[in-house]
C-alpha cells in the first residue's frame, strides 16, 4: 500500500449511505491531530474514532445503569484497528465519522467506522468493547443488545482476523526493545494507561527504531516513518507508575512498506501486541533484513 500522506488514494467503498453506517458524527480537524508532515496522524484519527464511539447513544443501557440495575462494571477495549487511507489536513475543516455495530457477542461487541473528508474516504477502523465486572467479562444485558441492534451496520462484516499467536507474547520473539515510562497524563478513568496513549507508545517505538537504524540521533531529525495502520490487541492492563519495554520485529517487506510486529512488556509479562504498517523510507536494507522474522518462526 502506498503512503497515504503523499496524496489521495482511490478507495472503493460499498454502501456508504445511512444503511451502511447508521450513525454520523462531524469532527473538527484540530492542530493536535496533525503529524510531523502537517497531515492528520494515525493517532489523531484514532482520537476521532473514539470521539464518534462516545457519541453513539445507548439510551436503554444508560437508563439501566443509571437505575442501578447493572453494575459495577468497566467498559474496556479488547482491541482496535485504525488505518489512514488518504491524506487529511486542517484545510478539510470538518470530517465525518460514520459508525455502525458490526458484531454482537456474549460479552463484547465491535463497532466499525469509516472517515470521510467531503466525498473522500480517508480512514477506517473498528473497536471491540468488553463489559467487565469484578469477576471478569459480563454478559451483555438485553437492553444493551437492543441498543446495539438499533445501530447495527448493514455493511458486510470484514473477514475475521486471526488473533496473534502465543509466540507474540514472548520477549524472545522480538529483535529490538525500547524503554518507555508511564506518565500520569496517560492514565484514564479506568485507572490504567489509555488506549490512545498506548497507541502513541507504539509510534514512539517505531521512531526509536528508525533513529537507531539510521543513526540520526546526532546528525539530524529522526525520519518521519510513523505507521499509517495499527491493529492492536490488549492482553493486560498497562498501569501507572511503571517502566515498560516495547519489542519490535519486522514481519515482512512489501515494496516501500514495512510490516511491524510489536509487543508491550513489563518485566516478563506481555500486556498487549500490535501489528503496524508504515513506510520504509530511509531504513537501511541491512537493518531491515537483520530485524526480519526468522525463517521457520510460527506466523
Protein backbone atom coordinates (compact mmCIF):
# COMPACT_ATOMS: atom_id res chain seq x y z
CA UNK A 1 0.00 0.00 0.00
CA UNK A 2 1.40 3.48 -0.85
CA UNK A 3 1.97 6.07 1.85
CA UNK A 4 -1.38 7.89 2.34
CA UNK A 5 0.35 11.13 3.29
CA UNK A 6 1.64 11.64 -0.25
CA UNK A 7 -1.77 12.30 -1.76
CA UNK A 8 -5.30 10.96 -2.24
CA UNK A 9 -5.77 7.24 -2.78
CA UNK A 10 -8.73 5.98 -4.78
CA UNK A 11 -10.67 3.69 -2.45
CA UNK A 12 -13.67 1.60 -3.40
CA UNK A 13 -16.32 1.75 -0.71
CA UNK A 14 -19.60 -0.12 -0.88
CA UNK A 15 -22.79 1.38 0.53
CA UNK A 16 -21.63 4.45 2.42
CA UNK A 17 -25.20 5.57 3.00
CA UNK A 18 -27.31 5.55 6.12
CA UNK A 19 -27.85 1.78 5.95
CA UNK A 20 -24.13 1.03 5.79
CA UNK A 21 -23.23 3.15 8.83
CA UNK A 22 -26.32 4.26 10.77
CA UNK A 23 -24.66 6.99 12.86
CA UNK A 24 -22.73 10.02 11.66
CA UNK A 25 -20.64 12.44 13.70
CA UNK A 26 -18.87 15.58 12.49
CA UNK A 27 -15.40 16.12 13.96
CA UNK A 28 -13.32 19.26 13.54
CA UNK A 29 -9.73 18.75 12.40
CA UNK A 30 -7.56 20.14 15.21
CA UNK A 31 -3.93 21.17 15.30
CA UNK A 32 -3.20 18.40 17.79
CA UNK A 33 -4.44 15.80 15.27
CA UNK A 34 -1.62 16.60 12.84
CA UNK A 35 1.61 14.70 12.46
CA UNK A 36 5.04 16.00 11.60
CA UNK A 37 4.26 16.34 7.89
CA UNK A 38 1.20 18.53 8.52
CA UNK A 39 -1.37 15.83 7.69
CA UNK A 40 -3.59 14.04 10.21
CA UNK A 41 -1.62 11.32 12.00
CA UNK A 42 -2.87 7.81 12.66
CA UNK A 43 -3.07 8.65 16.38
CA UNK A 44 -5.08 11.77 15.54
CA UNK A 45 -7.50 9.67 13.51
CA UNK A 46 -7.80 7.19 16.40
CA UNK A 47 -9.00 10.11 18.56
CA UNK A 48 -11.71 10.85 16.00
CA UNK A 49 -12.94 7.25 16.18
CA UNK A 50 -13.01 7.43 19.98
CA UNK A 51 -14.97 10.70 19.80
CA UNK A 52 -17.51 9.09 17.46
CA UNK A 53 -17.91 5.99 19.68
CA UNK A 54 -18.55 8.08 22.77
CA UNK A 55 -21.28 10.00 20.96
CA UNK A 56 -23.26 6.90 19.96
CA UNK A 57 -26.08 6.88 22.49
CA UNK A 58 -27.21 3.65 24.13
CA UNK A 59 -30.31 5.01 25.87
CA UNK A 60 -31.81 1.78 27.21
CA UNK A 61 -28.46 0.72 28.61
CA UNK A 62 -27.84 4.18 30.09
CA UNK A 63 -31.20 4.04 31.89
CA UNK A 64 -30.41 0.54 33.18
CA UNK A 65 -27.04 1.61 34.58
CA UNK A 66 -28.46 4.88 35.93
CA UNK A 67 -31.13 2.98 37.88
CA UNK A 68 -28.52 0.70 39.45
CA UNK A 69 -29.77 -2.31 37.52
CA UNK A 70 -26.41 -3.25 36.06
CA UNK A 71 -23.18 -2.75 37.92
CA UNK A 72 -20.49 -2.45 38.95
CA UNK A 73 -18.83 -2.50 35.55
CA UNK A 74 -15.99 -1.15 33.47
CA UNK A 75 -16.10 -0.59 29.74
CA UNK A 76 -12.81 -1.82 28.26
CA UNK A 77 -11.28 -2.18 24.81
CA UNK A 78 -10.19 -5.69 23.82
CA UNK A 79 -8.76 -4.49 20.53
CA UNK A 80 -8.81 -1.70 18.00
CA UNK A 81 -7.88 -1.05 14.40
CA UNK A 82 -7.24 2.31 12.75
CA UNK A 83 -5.99 2.98 9.24
CA UNK A 84 -5.32 6.14 7.26
CA UNK A 85 -6.38 5.64 3.65
CA UNK A 86 -5.74 9.11 2.26
CA UNK A 87 -4.33 12.44 3.37
CA UNK A 88 -6.45 14.72 5.55
CA UNK A 89 -5.33 18.06 6.98
CA UNK A 90 -6.51 21.33 8.53
CA UNK A 91 -7.86 22.57 5.20
CA UNK A 92 -10.53 19.84 5.35
CA UNK A 93 -12.05 21.70 8.31
CA UNK A 94 -14.61 19.15 9.47
CA UNK A 95 -14.59 15.42 8.74
CA UNK A 96 -17.41 12.95 9.21
CA UNK A 97 -17.05 9.68 11.09
CA UNK A 98 -19.70 7.12 10.17
CA UNK A 99 -20.21 4.26 12.61
CA UNK A 100 -22.16 1.07 12.95
CA UNK A 101 -22.13 -2.08 15.07
CA UNK A 102 -20.56 -4.96 13.15
CA UNK A 103 -20.62 -7.80 15.66
CA UNK A 104 -22.54 -8.56 18.85
CA UNK A 105 -21.12 -11.29 21.06
CA UNK A 106 -21.89 -12.67 24.51
CA UNK A 107 -19.83 -10.14 26.49
CA UNK A 108 -18.44 -7.89 23.76
CA UNK A 109 -19.39 -6.01 20.63
CA UNK A 110 -17.49 -4.43 17.74
CA UNK A 111 -18.13 -1.00 16.24
CA UNK A 112 -16.83 -0.23 12.74
CA UNK A 113 -16.00 3.23 11.41
CA UNK A 114 -15.42 5.00 8.12
CA UNK A 115 -13.97 8.53 7.97
CA UNK A 116 -14.86 10.94 5.17
CA UNK A 117 -13.44 14.34 4.28
CA UNK A 118 -16.09 15.59 1.90
CA UNK A 119 -16.62 12.71 -0.52
CA UNK A 120 -13.14 11.23 0.08
CA UNK A 121 -12.87 8.09 2.19
CA UNK A 122 -9.76 8.94 4.23
CA UNK A 123 -9.80 6.42 7.07
CA UNK A 124 -11.37 3.38 8.64
CA UNK A 125 -11.25 1.40 11.83
CA UNK A 126 -13.07 -0.59 14.44
CA UNK A 127 -13.02 -1.28 18.16
CA UNK A 128 -14.05 -4.34 20.15
CA UNK A 129 -15.54 -3.36 23.51
CA UNK A 130 -15.95 -5.58 26.55
CA UNK A 131 -18.14 -5.09 29.62
CA UNK A 132 -16.21 -6.21 32.68
CA UNK A 133 -17.12 -6.60 36.33
CA UNK A 134 -15.00 -7.55 39.36
CA UNK A 135 -15.07 -11.21 38.29
CA UNK A 136 -14.20 -10.59 34.65
CA UNK A 137 -16.27 -10.16 31.45
CA UNK A 138 -20.03 -9.78 31.93
CA UNK A 139 -22.78 -10.91 29.58
CA UNK A 140 -24.33 -8.06 27.60
CA UNK A 141 -27.75 -7.18 29.05
CA UNK A 142 -30.84 -7.31 26.83
CA UNK A 143 -31.15 -3.52 26.98
CA UNK A 144 -27.69 -3.01 25.52
CA UNK A 145 -28.25 -5.66 22.85
CA UNK A 146 -31.41 -3.82 21.77
CA UNK A 147 -29.48 -0.53 21.58
CA UNK A 148 -26.72 -2.17 19.56
CA UNK A 149 -29.18 -3.64 17.09
CA UNK A 150 -30.62 -0.16 16.52
CA UNK A 151 -27.25 0.97 15.15
CA UNK A 152 -26.19 -2.29 13.54
CA UNK A 153 -24.37 -1.80 10.27
CA UNK A 154 -25.66 -3.20 7.00
CA UNK A 155 -22.09 -3.08 5.71
CA UNK A 156 -20.80 -6.66 5.31
CA UNK A 157 -18.57 -7.69 8.20
CA UNK A 158 -14.89 -7.79 7.42
CA UNK A 159 -13.11 -11.12 7.23
CA UNK A 160 -12.19 -12.48 10.62
CA UNK A 161 -8.66 -11.50 11.58
CA UNK A 162 -6.75 -14.26 13.35
CA UNK A 163 -5.63 -13.36 16.83
CA UNK A 164 -1.85 -13.12 17.25
CA UNK A 165 -0.18 -16.39 18.18
CA UNK A 166 1.18 -17.17 21.63
CA UNK A 167 4.76 -16.53 20.45
CA UNK A 168 3.91 -12.84 20.15
CA UNK A 169 3.70 -12.64 23.95
CA UNK A 170 7.26 -13.91 24.41
CA UNK A 171 10.11 -11.43 24.76
CA UNK A 172 12.48 -13.55 22.68
CA UNK A 173 10.17 -13.15 19.68
CA UNK A 174 11.32 -9.56 19.18
CA UNK A 175 14.58 -8.31 17.67
CA UNK A 176 14.74 -4.90 19.40
CA UNK A 177 13.44 -3.31 22.60
CA UNK A 178 12.87 0.32 23.51
CA UNK A 179 12.09 1.51 27.07
CA UNK A 180 9.11 3.69 27.97
CA UNK A 181 7.96 5.18 31.28
CA UNK A 182 4.26 5.63 32.04
CA UNK A 183 3.20 9.20 32.80
CA UNK A 184 0.30 10.29 34.96
CA UNK A 185 -1.20 12.06 31.96
CA UNK A 186 -1.52 8.67 30.24
CA UNK A 187 -3.98 7.39 32.88
CA UNK A 188 -7.73 7.46 32.19
CA UNK A 189 -10.93 6.99 34.19
CA UNK A 190 -10.32 3.22 34.36
CA UNK A 191 -7.08 3.93 36.24
CA UNK A 192 -4.87 2.44 33.53
CA UNK A 193 -2.94 3.84 30.57
CA UNK A 194 -5.47 5.00 27.97
CA UNK A 195 -5.52 3.15 24.65
CA UNK A 196 -4.74 6.36 22.73
CA UNK A 197 -1.64 6.87 24.85
CA UNK A 198 -0.66 3.24 24.35
CA UNK A 199 -1.01 3.61 20.58
CA UNK A 200 1.33 6.57 20.90
CA UNK A 201 3.83 4.29 22.65
CA UNK A 202 3.93 2.09 19.57
CA UNK A 203 4.55 5.21 17.48
CA UNK A 204 7.43 6.02 19.84
CA UNK A 205 8.90 2.55 19.31
CA UNK A 206 8.85 2.88 15.52
CA UNK A 207 10.53 6.29 15.76
CA UNK A 208 13.16 4.90 18.15
CA UNK A 209 13.76 2.01 15.75
CA UNK A 210 14.19 4.46 12.85
CA UNK A 211 16.57 6.61 14.89
CA UNK A 212 18.69 3.61 15.85
CA UNK A 213 18.66 2.13 12.35
CA UNK A 214 19.62 5.36 10.57
CA UNK A 215 21.96 6.73 13.24
CA UNK A 216 20.34 10.16 13.05
CA UNK A 217 20.46 10.95 16.78
CA UNK A 218 23.47 13.28 16.42
CA UNK A 219 23.22 14.39 12.82
CA UNK A 220 19.68 15.43 12.05
CA UNK A 221 15.95 14.85 12.64
CA UNK A 222 14.56 11.35 13.01
CA UNK A 223 12.89 10.14 9.77
CA UNK A 224 9.11 10.51 9.88
CA UNK A 225 8.05 6.88 9.44
CA UNK A 226 5.02 6.71 11.73
CA UNK A 227 2.75 3.84 10.63
CA UNK A 228 -0.49 4.55 8.77
CA UNK A 229 -2.17 1.40 10.09
CA UNK A 230 -2.41 -0.16 13.55
CA UNK A 231 -4.20 -3.29 14.71
CA UNK A 232 -3.85 -3.56 18.49
CA UNK A 233 -4.83 -6.36 20.88
CA UNK A 234 -4.86 -5.88 24.66
CA UNK A 235 -3.84 -8.79 26.87
CA UNK A 236 -3.45 -6.99 30.23
CA UNK A 237 -3.64 -3.59 31.86
CA UNK A 238 -0.81 -1.10 31.49
CA UNK A 239 -0.78 0.96 34.69
CA UNK A 240 0.92 3.91 36.34
CA UNK A 241 3.54 4.07 37.74
CA UNK A 242 5.56 1.65 35.66
CA UNK A 243 8.52 1.10 33.39
CA UNK A 244 7.85 -0.82 30.19
CA UNK A 245 9.62 -2.13 27.10
CA UNK A 246 8.25 -2.14 23.56
CA UNK A 247 9.52 -5.05 21.48
CA UNK A 248 9.67 -4.65 17.70
CA UNK A 249 10.20 -7.06 14.83
CA UNK A 250 9.85 -6.74 11.06
CA UNK A 251 7.29 -9.30 9.89
CA UNK A 252 7.67 -8.59 6.15
CA UNK A 253 8.56 -6.05 3.49
CA UNK A 254 6.09 -5.15 0.76
CA UNK A 255 7.54 -2.76 -1.81
CA UNK A 256 8.04 0.51 0.06
CA UNK A 257 6.02 -0.70 3.06
CA UNK A 258 7.26 -2.26 6.30
CA UNK A 259 5.02 -4.60 8.32
CA UNK A 260 5.88 -4.46 12.03
CA UNK A 261 5.04 -6.75 14.94
CA UNK A 262 5.24 -5.14 18.39
CA UNK A 263 4.55 -6.01 22.00
CA UNK A 264 4.49 -4.07 25.25
CA UNK A 265 6.14 -5.78 28.23
CA UNK A 266 6.53 -5.15 31.93
CA UNK A 267 9.36 -7.38 33.07
CA UNK A 268 8.47 -10.74 31.53
CA UNK A 269 4.73 -10.13 31.14
CA UNK A 270 3.22 -9.13 27.80
CA UNK A 271 0.34 -6.66 28.17
CA UNK A 272 -0.51 -6.12 24.52
CA UNK A 273 0.59 -6.69 20.94
CA UNK A 274 0.22 -4.67 17.76
CA UNK A 275 0.58 -5.06 14.02
CA UNK A 276 1.51 -1.93 12.10
CA UNK A 277 2.28 -0.91 8.53
CA UNK A 278 4.41 2.09 7.65
CA UNK A 279 6.76 3.50 5.06
CA UNK A 280 10.23 2.07 4.54
CA UNK A 281 11.71 5.49 3.92
CA UNK A 282 15.39 5.72 4.80
CA UNK A 283 15.60 2.48 6.79
CA UNK A 284 18.80 0.68 5.69
CA UNK A 285 18.36 -2.69 3.97
CA UNK A 286 20.80 -4.41 6.34
CA UNK A 287 18.81 -3.27 9.38
CA UNK A 288 15.54 -4.43 7.90
CA UNK A 289 16.96 -7.82 6.99
CA UNK A 290 18.50 -8.27 10.46
CA UNK A 291 15.17 -7.38 12.08
CA UNK A 292 13.02 -9.67 9.95
CA UNK A 293 11.24 -12.62 11.50
CA UNK A 294 13.45 -15.65 11.12
CA UNK A 295 12.52 -18.40 8.63
CA UNK A 296 10.59 -21.18 10.33
CA UNK A 297 9.11 -18.90 13.01
CA UNK A 298 5.41 -19.62 13.54
CA UNK A 299 3.20 -16.99 11.83
